Amino acid sequence: MIIDPEKKRRVVYETALISHIDILGFQELIDERSPGNISRILRIFGQRLDPEPRWGVHRGQKRKEYFLTFSDLCVTARPLTRPKANVKAAITIKLMQLIEAQIDLLLEGVVVRGAVTVGKAALSWGLLYGQGIVDAYLQERDAGAPRIIVDQSVIHEEMTNSRLWTDRAAAWQLLGELLAREVVGDKEVLFLDYLWIARLIMRQDLYQEFVTKHRNLIDENLAKHAGSKVAKKYEWMDQYHTRTVALISKELLRFPDVSLASEYSPQ
């Protein structure tokens, strides 16, 4: 525990849900896009991931969620153990917000890489720091492909923290919809299954537009970066697109009207 010598306010490490998201190819965006277009892209983070804008929090109030952006980086942290805080569905809500932000950015021709974890963080004076922030950063760097990976600590917290859900079985089922699994070597990687969820939250016409833009984005960048390390990122996207769209096509034949309760609206 740290005591600020001037304000005598205690600063402690709290258990928090942390996300660390990085825009890939930001130098290309700087070179090829207008400042206004880049501004629109960066504002997507705030529109989707910061439900409590800074100007909506009075001085001295504690934020329910902490949100920081710098250039091509976005970090969020949601405390999960504050005694009086309502954290019901906090994890699944954040994962859905991240998926919607990912869809928005892909529609702008922008890919991201990120990680979501649960760990210790100090959340005070507009600052974010602690081992949980470091862990999220390291996991984002290890994600490799343009995807948002979800650490096992998130699954453990969702299943063991009863303040997060009303129905444990329903929470587990929703997580199963939100996440895809991939085996890399001897390790299982969980990541946000944005293509699968897009079909469930978008109108059919928007979904078809999204899938087409996703396919075109992959093809354009495979050609643009042929033979380079960057191409490997789009090779992964190509494989993910092919297998997921094929699976969705099969499911549409069985359950043509399946959807989630909320409907996606582009930002």
C-alpha atoms as a PDB file:
ATOM      1  CA  MET A   1       0.000   0.000   0.000  1.00  0.00           C
ATOM      2  CA  ILE A   2       1.255   3.472  -0.924  1.00  0.00           C
ATOM      3  CA  ILE A   3       0.241   6.694   0.831  1.00  0.00           C
ATOM      4  CA  ASP A   4       0.407   9.829  -1.291  1.00  0.00           C
ATOM      5  CA  PRO A   5       2.357  12.305   0.905  1.00  0.00           C
ATOM      6  CA  GLU A   6       0.330  15.329  -0.219  1.00  0.00           C
ATOM      7  CA  LYS A   7      -3.241  14.068  -0.362  1.00  0.00           C
ATOM      8  CA  LYS A   8      -3.006  11.176   2.122  1.00  0.00           C
ATOM      9  CA  ARG A   9      -5.041   9.124  -0.306  1.00  0.00           C
ATOM     10  CA  ARG A  10      -4.337   5.418  -0.268  1.00  0.00           C
ATOM     11  CA  VAL A  11      -3.297   3.873  -3.574  1.00  0.00           C
ATOM     12  CA  VAL A  12      -3.701   0.098  -3.694  1.00  0.00           C
ATOM     13  CA  TYR A  13      -3.460  -2.639  -6.272  1.00  0.00           C
ATOM     14  CA  GLU A  14      -6.894  -3.958  -7.251  1.00  0.00           C
ATOM     15  CA  THR A  15      -7.974  -6.997  -9.198  1.00  0.00           C
ATOM     16  CA  ALA A  16      -9.090  -5.698 -12.586  1.00  0.00           C
ATOM     17  CA  LEU A  17     -10.147  -6.816 -16.042  1.00  0.00           C
ATOM     18  CA  ILE A  18      -7.486  -5.334 -18.316  1.00  0.00           C
ATOM     19  CA  SER A  19      -7.334  -5.004 -22.096  1.00  0.00           C
ATOM     20  CA  HIS A  20      -4.335  -3.865 -24.123  1.00  0.00           C
ATOM     21  CA  ILE A  21      -5.105  -3.184 -27.813  1.00  0.00           C
ATOM     22  CA  ASP A  22      -2.661  -2.101 -30.508  1.00  0.00           C
ATOM     23  CA  ILE A  23      -3.429  -0.944 -34.061  1.00  0.00           C
ATOM     24  CA  LEU A  24      -1.215  -2.818 -36.512  1.00  0.00           C
ATOM     25  CA  GLY A  25       0.411  -1.025 -39.435  1.00  0.00           C
ATOM     26  CA  PHE A  26      -0.033   2.400 -37.885  1.00  0.00           C
ATOM     27  CA  GLN A  27       2.895   3.843 -39.836  1.00  0.00           C
ATOM     28  CA  GLU A  28       1.086   2.926 -43.065  1.00  0.00           C
ATOM     29  CA  LEU A  29      -2.022   4.706 -41.812  1.00  0.00           C
ATOM     30  CA  ILE A  30       0.030   7.823 -41.088  1.00  0.00           C
ATOM     31  CA  ASP A  31       1.544   7.653 -44.580  1.00  0.00           C
ATOM     32  CA  GLU A  32      -1.659   6.886 -46.492  1.00  0.00           C
ATOM     33  CA  ARG A  33      -4.615   8.355 -44.598  1.00  0.00           C
ATOM     34  CA  SER A  34      -5.665  11.901 -43.836  1.00  0.00           C
ATOM     35  CA  PRO A  35      -5.450  13.251 -40.261  1.00  0.00           C
ATOM     36  CA  GLY A  36      -9.247  13.374 -40.160  1.00  0.00           C
ATOM     37  CA  ASN A  37      -9.585   9.730 -41.141  1.00  0.00           C
ATOM     38  CA  ILE A  38      -7.040   8.670 -38.504  1.00  0.00           C
ATOM     39  CA  SER A  39      -8.919  10.747 -35.922  1.00  0.00           C
ATOM     40  CA  ARG A  40     -12.124   8.888 -36.800  1.00  0.00           C
ATOM     41  CA  ILE A  41     -10.328   5.557 -36.436  1.00  0.00           C
ATOM     42  CA  LEU A  42      -8.883   6.428 -33.028  1.00  0.00           C
ATOM     43  CA  ARG A  43     -12.228   7.768 -31.763  1.00  0.00           C
ATOM     44  CA  ILE A  44     -13.718   4.314 -32.288  1.00  0.00           C
ATOM     45  CA  PHE A  45     -11.805   3.176 -29.210  1.00  0.00           C
ATOM     46  CA  GLY A  46     -13.512   5.780 -27.062  1.00  0.00           C
ATOM     47  CA  GLN A  47     -16.946   5.285 -28.600  1.00  0.00           C
ATOM     48  CA  ARG A  48     -16.895   1.541 -27.996  1.00  0.00           C
ATOM     49  CA  LEU A  49     -14.611   1.023 -25.002  1.00  0.00           C
ATOM     50  CA  ASP A  50     -15.072   4.054 -22.742  1.00  0.00           C
ATOM     51  CA  PRO A  51     -18.685   3.964 -21.486  1.00  0.00           C
ATOM     52  CA  GLU A  52     -17.815   6.591 -18.871  1.00  0.00           C
ATOM     53  CA  PRO A  53     -16.166   9.530 -20.669  1.00  0.00           C
ATOM     54  CA  ARG A  54     -13.891  11.702 -18.571  1.00  0.00           C
ATOM     55  CA  TRP A  55     -16.188  14.701 -18.766  1.00  0.00           C
ATOM     56  CA  GLY A  56     -18.983  12.608 -17.215  1.00  0.00           C
ATOM     57  CA  VAL A  57     -17.053  11.959 -13.980  1.00  0.00           C
ATOM     58  CA  HIS A  58     -16.933  14.687 -11.348  1.00  0.00           C
ATOM     59  CA  ARG A  59     -13.699  15.535  -9.609  1.00  0.00           C
ATOM     60  CA  GLY A  60     -13.099  13.241  -6.644  1.00  0.00           C
ATOM     61  CA  GLN A  61     -15.389  10.484  -7.957  1.00  0.00           C
ATOM     62  CA  LYS A  62     -13.948   7.076  -8.641  1.00  0.00           C
ATOM     63  CA  ARG A  63     -14.342   5.869 -12.196  1.00  0.00           C
ATOM     64  CA  LYS A  64     -15.993   2.498 -12.686  1.00  0.00           C
ATOM     65  CA  GLU A  65     -13.647   1.861 -15.567  1.00  0.00           C
ATOM     66  CA  TYR A  66     -10.303   3.340 -16.604  1.00  0.00           C
ATOM     67  CA  PHE A  67      -9.515   4.092 -20.232  1.00  0.00           C
ATOM     68  CA  LEU A  68      -6.318   5.457 -21.762  1.00  0.00           C
ATOM     69  CA  THR A  69      -5.240   5.935 -25.373  1.00  0.00           C
ATOM     70  CA  PHE A  70      -1.921   7.012 -26.802  1.00  0.00           C
ATOM     71  CA  SER A  71      -1.327   7.094 -30.548  1.00  0.00           C
ATOM     72  CA  ASP A  72      -2.110   3.537 -31.762  1.00  0.00           C
ATOM     73  CA  LEU A  73      -2.560   2.049 -28.279  1.00  0.00           C
ATOM     74  CA  CYS A  74      -5.631   1.628 -26.083  1.00  0.00           C
ATOM     75  CA  VAL A  75      -5.651   0.280 -22.509  1.00  0.00           C
ATOM     76  CA  THR A  76      -8.741  -0.290 -20.368  1.00  0.00           C
ATOM     77  CA  ALA A  77      -9.091  -1.541 -16.801  1.00  0.00           C
ATOM     78  CA  ARG A  78     -12.282  -2.415 -14.913  1.00  0.00           C
ATOM     79  CA  PRO A  79     -11.961  -3.079 -11.161  1.00  0.00           C
ATOM     80  CA  LEU A  80     -13.747  -6.306 -10.222  1.00  0.00           C
ATOM     81  CA  THR A  81     -13.486  -6.434  -6.438  1.00  0.00           C
ATOM     82  CA  ARG A  82     -14.631  -3.046  -5.124  1.00  0.00           C
ATOM     83  CA  PRO A  83     -17.176  -3.872  -2.388  1.00  0.00           C
ATOM     84  CA  LYS A  84     -20.021  -1.600  -3.531  1.00  0.00           C
ATOM     85  CA  ALA A  85     -19.418  -1.753  -7.281  1.00  0.00           C
ATOM     86  CA  ASN A  86     -21.903  -3.471  -9.573  1.00  0.00           C
ATOM     87  CA  VAL A  87     -19.796  -5.762 -11.759  1.00  0.00           C
ATOM     88  CA  LYS A  88     -22.594  -7.948 -13.066  1.00  0.00           C
ATOM     89  CA  ALA A  89     -21.687  -9.206 -16.571  1.00  0.00           C
ATOM     90  CA  ALA A  90     -18.604  -6.926 -16.584  1.00  0.00           C
ATOM     91  CA  ILE A  91     -16.443  -9.454 -18.417  1.00  0.00           C
ATOM     92  CA  THR A  92     -18.903 -10.461 -21.130  1.00  0.00           C
ATOM     93  CA  ILE A  93     -19.899  -6.822 -21.692  1.00  0.00           C
ATOM     94  CA  LYS A  94     -16.252  -5.812 -22.161  1.00  0.00           C
ATOM     95  CA  LEU A  95     -15.581  -8.713 -24.539  1.00  0.00           C
ATOM     96  CA  MET A  96     -18.610  -7.683 -26.621  1.00  0.00           C
ATOM     97  CA  GLN A  97     -17.427  -4.059 -26.661  1.00  0.00           C
ATOM     98  CA  LEU A  98     -14.019  -5.210 -27.892  1.00  0.00           C
ATOM     99  CA  ILE A  99     -15.608  -7.301 -30.642  1.00  0.00           C
ATOM    100  CA  GLU A 100     -17.743  -4.355 -31.780  1.00  0.00           C
ATOM    101  CA  ALA A 101     -14.671  -2.086 -31.792  1.00  0.00           C
ATOM    102  CA  GLN A 102     -12.785  -4.717 -33.800  1.00  0.00           C
ATOM    103  CA  ILE A 103     -15.614  -4.891 -36.342  1.00  0.00           C
ATOM    104  CA  ASP A 104     -15.767  -1.073 -36.595  1.00  0.00           C
ATOM    105  CA  LEU A 105     -12.021  -0.889 -37.207  1.00  0.00           C
ATOM    106  CA  LEU A 106     -12.037  -3.678 -39.788  1.00  0.00           C
ATOM    107  CA  LEU A 107     -14.769  -1.831 -41.677  1.00  0.00           C
ATOM    108  CA  GLU A 108     -12.286   1.069 -41.778  1.00  0.00           C
ATOM    109  CA  GLY A 109      -9.602  -1.270 -43.136  1.00  0.00           C
ATOM    110  CA  VAL A 110      -7.734  -1.387 -39.821  1.00  0.00           C
ATOM    111  CA  VAL A 111      -6.563  -4.523 -38.001  1.00  0.00           C
ATOM    112  CA  VAL A 112      -5.668  -4.788 -34.329  1.00  0.00           C
ATOM    113  CA  ARG A 113      -3.852  -7.130 -32.013  1.00  0.00           C
ATOM    114  CA  GLY A 114      -4.572  -7.303 -28.315  1.00  0.00           C
ATOM    115  CA  ALA A 115      -4.931  -9.197 -25.081  1.00  0.00           C
ATOM    116  CA  VAL A 116      -7.449  -9.331 -22.248  1.00  0.00           C
ATOM    117  CA  THR A 117      -6.402 -10.514 -18.818  1.00  0.00           C
ATOM    118  CA  VAL A 118      -7.290 -10.283 -15.135  1.00  0.00           C
ATOM    119  CA  GLY A 119      -4.538  -9.003 -12.857  1.00  0.00           C
ATOM    120  CA  LYS A 120      -3.454  -6.478 -10.272  1.00  0.00           C
ATOM    121  CA  ALA A 121      -3.416  -2.803 -11.208  1.00  0.00           C
ATOM    122  CA  ALA A 122      -3.322   0.553  -9.477  1.00  0.00           C
ATOM    123  CA  LEU A 123      -6.166   2.712 -10.773  1.00  0.00           C
ATOM    124  CA  SER A 124      -5.821   6.196  -9.354  1.00  0.00           C
ATOM    125  CA  TRP A 125      -5.125   9.802 -10.337  1.00  0.00           C
ATOM    126  CA  GLY A 126      -5.808   8.929 -13.969  1.00  0.00           C
ATOM    127  CA  LEU A 127      -2.913   6.455 -13.959  1.00  0.00           C
ATOM    128  CA  LEU A 128      -2.812   2.757 -14.804  1.00  0.00           C
ATOM    129  CA  TYR A 129       0.082   0.597 -13.706  1.00  0.00           C
ATOM    130  CA  GLY A 130       0.869  -2.720 -12.052  1.00  0.00           C
ATOM    131  CA  GLN A 131       1.689  -6.320 -12.904  1.00  0.00           C
ATOM    132  CA  GLY A 132      -1.648  -6.821 -14.644  1.00  0.00           C
ATOM    133  CA  ILE A 133      -0.869  -4.020 -17.102  1.00  0.00           C
ATOM    134  CA  VAL A 134       2.570  -5.515 -17.761  1.00  0.00           C
ATOM    135  CA  ASP A 135       1.045  -8.970 -18.293  1.00  0.00           C
ATOM    136  CA  ALA A 136      -1.524  -7.604 -20.765  1.00  0.00           C
ATOM    137  CA  TYR A 137       1.243  -5.852 -22.702  1.00  0.00           C
ATOM    138  CA  LEU A 138       3.381  -9.013 -22.888  1.00  0.00           C
ATOM    139  CA  GLN A 139       0.423 -11.152 -23.934  1.00  0.00           C
ATOM    140  CA  GLU A 140      -0.509  -8.662 -26.658  1.00  0.00           C
ATOM    141  CA  ARG A 141       3.040  -8.878 -28.031  1.00  0.00           C
ATOM    142  CA  ASP A 142       2.820 -12.680 -27.988  1.00  0.00           C
ATOM    143  CA  ALA A 143      -0.552 -12.752 -29.769  1.00  0.00           C
ATOM    144  CA  GLY A 144       1.293 -12.695 -33.104  1.00  0.00           C
ATOM    145  CA  ALA A 145      -1.694 -12.696 -35.421  1.00  0.00           C
ATOM    146  CA  PRO A 146      -4.185  -9.810 -35.684  1.00  0.00           C
ATOM    147  CA  ARG A 147      -6.526 -11.075 -32.997  1.00  0.00           C
ATOM    148  CA  ILE A 148      -7.474 -10.217 -29.427  1.00  0.00           C
ATOM    149  CA  ILE A 149      -6.479 -13.104 -27.195  1.00  0.00           C
ATOM    150  CA  VAL A 150      -8.208 -13.830 -23.900  1.00  0.00           C
ATOM    151  CA  ASP A 151      -6.076 -15.144 -21.065  1.00  0.00           C
ATOM    152  CA  GLN A 152      -7.152 -18.101 -18.941  1.00  0.00           C
ATOM    153  CA  SER A 153      -7.245 -15.743 -15.947  1.00  0.00           C
ATOM    154  CA  VAL A 154     -10.353 -14.159 -17.507  1.00  0.00           C
ATOM    155  CA  ILE A 155     -12.090 -17.541 -17.749  1.00  0.00           C
ATOM    156  CA  HIS A 156     -11.124 -18.384 -14.165  1.00  0.00           C
ATOM    157  CA  GLU A 157     -12.458 -15.052 -12.869  1.00  0.00           C
ATOM    158  CA  GLU A 158     -15.723 -15.422 -14.787  1.00  0.00           C
ATOM    159  CA  MET A 159     -16.299 -18.901 -13.408  1.00  0.00           C
ATOM    160  CA  THR A 160     -15.294 -18.253  -9.788  1.00  0.00           C
ATOM    161  CA  ASN A 161     -16.443 -14.681  -9.085  1.00  0.00           C
ATOM    162  CA  SER A 162     -20.163 -15.069  -8.420  1.00  0.00           C
ATOM    163  CA  ARG A 163     -20.655 -11.283  -8.487  1.00  0.00           C
ATOM    164  CA  LEU A 164     -20.144 -11.404 -12.269  1.00  0.00           C
ATOM    165  CA  TRP A 165     -23.191 -13.477 -13.152  1.00  0.00           C
ATOM    166  CA  THR A 166     -26.684 -14.537 -12.162  1.00  0.00           C
ATOM    167  CA  ASP A 167     -26.624 -17.871 -13.987  1.00  0.00           C
ATOM    168  CA  ARG A 168     -23.222 -19.563 -14.138  1.00  0.00           C
ATOM    169  CA  ALA A 169     -24.247 -21.978 -16.918  1.00  0.00           C
ATOM    170  CA  ALA A 170     -25.550 -19.115 -19.063  1.00  0.00           C
ATOM    171  CA  ALA A 171     -22.334 -17.154 -18.506  1.00  0.00           C
ATOM    172  CA  TRP A 172     -20.274 -20.146 -19.590  1.00  0.00           C
ATOM    173  CA  GLN A 173     -22.440 -20.619 -22.695  1.00  0.00           C
ATOM    174  CA  LEU A 174     -22.038 -16.961 -23.709  1.00  0.00           C
ATOM    175  CA  LEU A 175     -18.274 -17.176 -23.299  1.00  0.00           C
ATOM    176  CA  GLY A 176     -18.340 -20.176 -25.612  1.00  0.00           C
ATOM    177  CA  GLU A 177     -20.035 -18.053 -28.274  1.00  0.00           C
ATOM    178  CA  LEU A 178     -17.627 -15.133 -27.889  1.00  0.00           C
ATOM    179  CA  LEU A 179     -14.386 -17.114 -28.009  1.00  0.00           C
ATOM    180  CA  ALA A 180     -12.623 -19.241 -30.604  1.00  0.00           C
ATOM    181  CA  ARG A 181      -9.863 -21.718 -29.814  1.00  0.00           C
ATOM    182  CA  GLU A 182      -6.651 -22.463 -31.629  1.00  0.00           C
ATOM    183  CA  VAL A 183      -3.815 -24.816 -30.694  1.00  0.00           C
ATOM    184  CA  VAL A 184      -0.362 -23.287 -31.186  1.00  0.00           C
ATOM    185  CA  GLY A 185       2.324 -25.875 -30.449  1.00  0.00           C
ATOM    186  CA  ASP A 186       1.331 -27.388 -27.124  1.00  0.00           C
ATOM    187  CA  LYS A 187      -0.663 -24.342 -26.029  1.00  0.00           C
ATOM    188  CA  GLU A 188      -4.363 -23.538 -26.457  1.00  0.00           C
ATOM    189  CA  VAL A 189      -5.024 -19.933 -27.459  1.00  0.00           C
ATOM    190  CA  LEU A 190      -8.419 -18.313 -26.888  1.00  0.00           C
ATOM    191  CA  PHE A 191      -9.353 -15.240 -28.912  1.00  0.00           C
ATOM    192  CA  LEU A 192     -12.403 -13.114 -29.685  1.00  0.00           C
ATOM    193  CA  ASP A 193     -14.357 -14.743 -32.502  1.00  0.00           C
ATOM    194  CA  TYR A 194     -15.428 -11.522 -34.196  1.00  0.00           C
ATOM    195  CA  LEU A 195     -16.522 -13.079 -37.500  1.00  0.00           C
ATOM    196  CA  TRP A 196     -18.816 -15.518 -35.717  1.00  0.00           C
ATOM    197  CA  ILE A 197     -20.328 -12.839 -33.488  1.00  0.00           C
ATOM    198  CA  ALA A 198     -20.747 -10.462 -36.449  1.00  0.00           C
ATOM    199  CA  ARG A 199     -23.288 -12.867 -37.932  1.00  0.00           C
ATOM    200  CA  LEU A 200     -25.254 -12.846 -34.679  1.00  0.00           C
ATOM    201  CA  ILE A 201     -25.361  -9.084 -34.070  1.00  0.00           C
ATOM    202  CA  MET A 202     -25.450  -7.578 -37.578  1.00  0.00           C
ATOM    203  CA  ARG A 203     -28.313  -7.317 -40.037  1.00  0.00           C
ATOM    204  CA  GLN A 204     -27.840  -9.655 -42.964  1.00  0.00           C
ATOM    205  CA  ASP A 205     -26.939  -6.875 -45.399  1.00  0.00           C
ATOM    206  CA  LEU A 206     -24.365  -5.373 -43.003  1.00  0.00           C
ATOM    207  CA  TYR A 207     -22.922  -8.801 -42.315  1.00  0.00           C
ATOM    208  CA  GLN A 208     -22.473  -9.534 -46.018  1.00  0.00           C
ATOM    209  CA  GLU A 209     -20.816  -6.141 -46.490  1.00  0.00           C
ATOM    210  CA  PHE A 210     -18.509  -6.833 -43.556  1.00  0.00           C
ATOM    211  CA  VAL A 211     -17.497 -10.293 -44.807  1.00  0.00           C
ATOM    212  CA  THR A 212     -16.788  -8.889 -48.280  1.00  0.00           C
ATOM    213  CA  LYS A 213     -14.643  -6.058 -46.882  1.00  0.00           C
ATOM    214  CA  HIS A 214     -12.845  -8.529 -44.617  1.00  0.00           C
ATOM    215  CA  ARG A 215     -12.040 -10.775 -47.594  1.00  0.00           C
ATOM    216  CA  ASN A 216     -10.877  -7.827 -49.704  1.00  0.00           C
ATOM    217  CA  LEU A 217      -8.728  -6.468 -46.868  1.00  0.00           C
ATOM    218  CA  ILE A 218      -6.970  -9.828 -46.572  1.00  0.00           C
ATOM    219  CA  ASP A 219      -6.402 -10.226 -50.311  1.00  0.00           C
ATOM    220  CA  GLU A 220      -5.111  -6.660 -50.752  1.00  0.00           C
ATOM    221  CA  ASN A 221      -2.608  -7.003 -47.926  1.00  0.00           C
ATOM    222  CA  LEU A 222      -1.451 -10.477 -48.951  1.00  0.00           C
ATOM    223  CA  ALA A 223      -0.577  -9.010 -52.337  1.00  0.00           C
ATOM    224  CA  LYS A 224       0.875  -5.805 -50.878  1.00  0.00           C
ATOM    225  CA  HIS A 225       3.136  -7.561 -48.366  1.00  0.00           C
ATOM    226  CA  ALA A 226       3.950 -10.753 -50.300  1.00  0.00           C
ATOM    227  CA  GLY A 227       7.131 -12.378 -49.043  1.00  0.00           C
ATOM    228  CA  SER A 228       7.431 -10.200 -45.920  1.00  0.00           C
ATOM    229  CA  LYS A 229       6.848 -10.900 -42.236  1.00  0.00           C
ATOM    230  CA  VAL A 230       3.715  -8.759 -42.390  1.00  0.00           C
ATOM    231  CA  ALA A 231       2.166 -11.219 -44.855  1.00  0.00           C
ATOM    232  CA  LYS A 232       2.092 -13.899 -42.137  1.00  0.00           C
ATOM    233  CA  LYS A 233      -0.451 -11.857 -40.190  1.00  0.00           C
ATOM    234  CA  TYR A 234      -2.776 -11.812 -43.173  1.00  0.00           C
ATOM    235  CA  GLU A 235      -2.156 -15.492 -43.875  1.00  0.00           C
ATOM    236  CA  TRP A 236      -3.564 -16.163 -40.415  1.00  0.00           C
ATOM    237  CA  MET A 237      -6.558 -13.910 -41.170  1.00  0.00           C
ATOM    238  CA  ASP A 238      -7.070 -15.791 -44.434  1.00  0.00           C
ATOM    239  CA  GLN A 239      -7.243 -19.122 -42.616  1.00  0.00           C
ATOM    240  CA  TYR A 240      -9.533 -17.727 -39.920  1.00  0.00           C
ATOM    241  CA  HIS A 241     -11.834 -16.167 -42.530  1.00  0.00           C
ATOM    242  CA  THR A 242     -12.065 -19.335 -44.618  1.00  0.00           C
ATOM    243  CA  ARG A 243     -12.871 -21.726 -41.783  1.00  0.00           C
ATOM    244  CA  THR A 244     -15.216 -19.373 -39.914  1.00  0.00           C
ATOM    245  CA  VAL A 245     -17.272 -18.305 -42.930  1.00  0.00           C
ATOM    246  CA  ALA A 246     -17.599 -21.964 -43.940  1.00  0.00           C
ATOM    247  CA  LEU A 247     -18.832 -22.834 -40.451  1.00  0.00           C
ATOM    248  CA  ILE A 248     -21.283 -19.936 -40.462  1.00  0.00           C
ATOM    249  CA  SER A 249     -22.648 -21.045 -43.846  1.00  0.00           C
ATOM    250  CA  LYS A 250     -23.372 -24.499 -42.415  1.00  0.00           C
ATOM    251  CA  GLU A 251     -25.029 -23.032 -39.331  1.00  0.00           C
ATOM    252  CA  LEU A 252     -27.207 -20.721 -41.444  1.00  0.00           C
ATOM    253  CA  LEU A 253     -28.674 -23.754 -43.159  1.00  0.00           C
ATOM    254  CA  ARG A 254     -29.625 -25.192 -39.771  1.00  0.00           C
ATOM    255  CA  PHE A 255     -30.574 -22.018 -37.848  1.00  0.00           C
ATOM    256  CA  PRO A 256     -31.263 -19.174 -40.325  1.00  0.00           C
ATOM    257  CA  ASP A 257     -32.851 -16.839 -37.760  1.00  0.00           C
ATOM    258  CA  VAL A 258     -30.415 -17.156 -34.846  1.00  0.00           C
ATOM    259  CA  SER A 259     -29.296 -13.839 -33.313  1.00  0.00           C
ATOM    260  CA  LEU A 260     -28.267 -12.241 -30.022  1.00  0.00           C
ATOM    261  CA  ALA A 261     -30.584  -9.853 -28.222  1.00  0.00           C
ATOM    262  CA  SER A 262     -28.644  -6.704 -29.130  1.00  0.00           C
ATOM    263  CA  GLU A 263     -28.046  -5.520 -32.679  1.00  0.00           C
ATOM    264  CA  TYR A 264     -24.829  -3.967 -33.870  1.00  0.00           C
ATOM    265  CA  SER A 265     -24.913  -0.385 -35.127  1.00  0.00           C
ATOM    266  CA  PRO A 266     -21.834   0.980 -36.935  1.00  0.00           C
ATOM    267  CA  GLN A 267     -20.025   3.897 -35.247  1.00  0.00           C
END
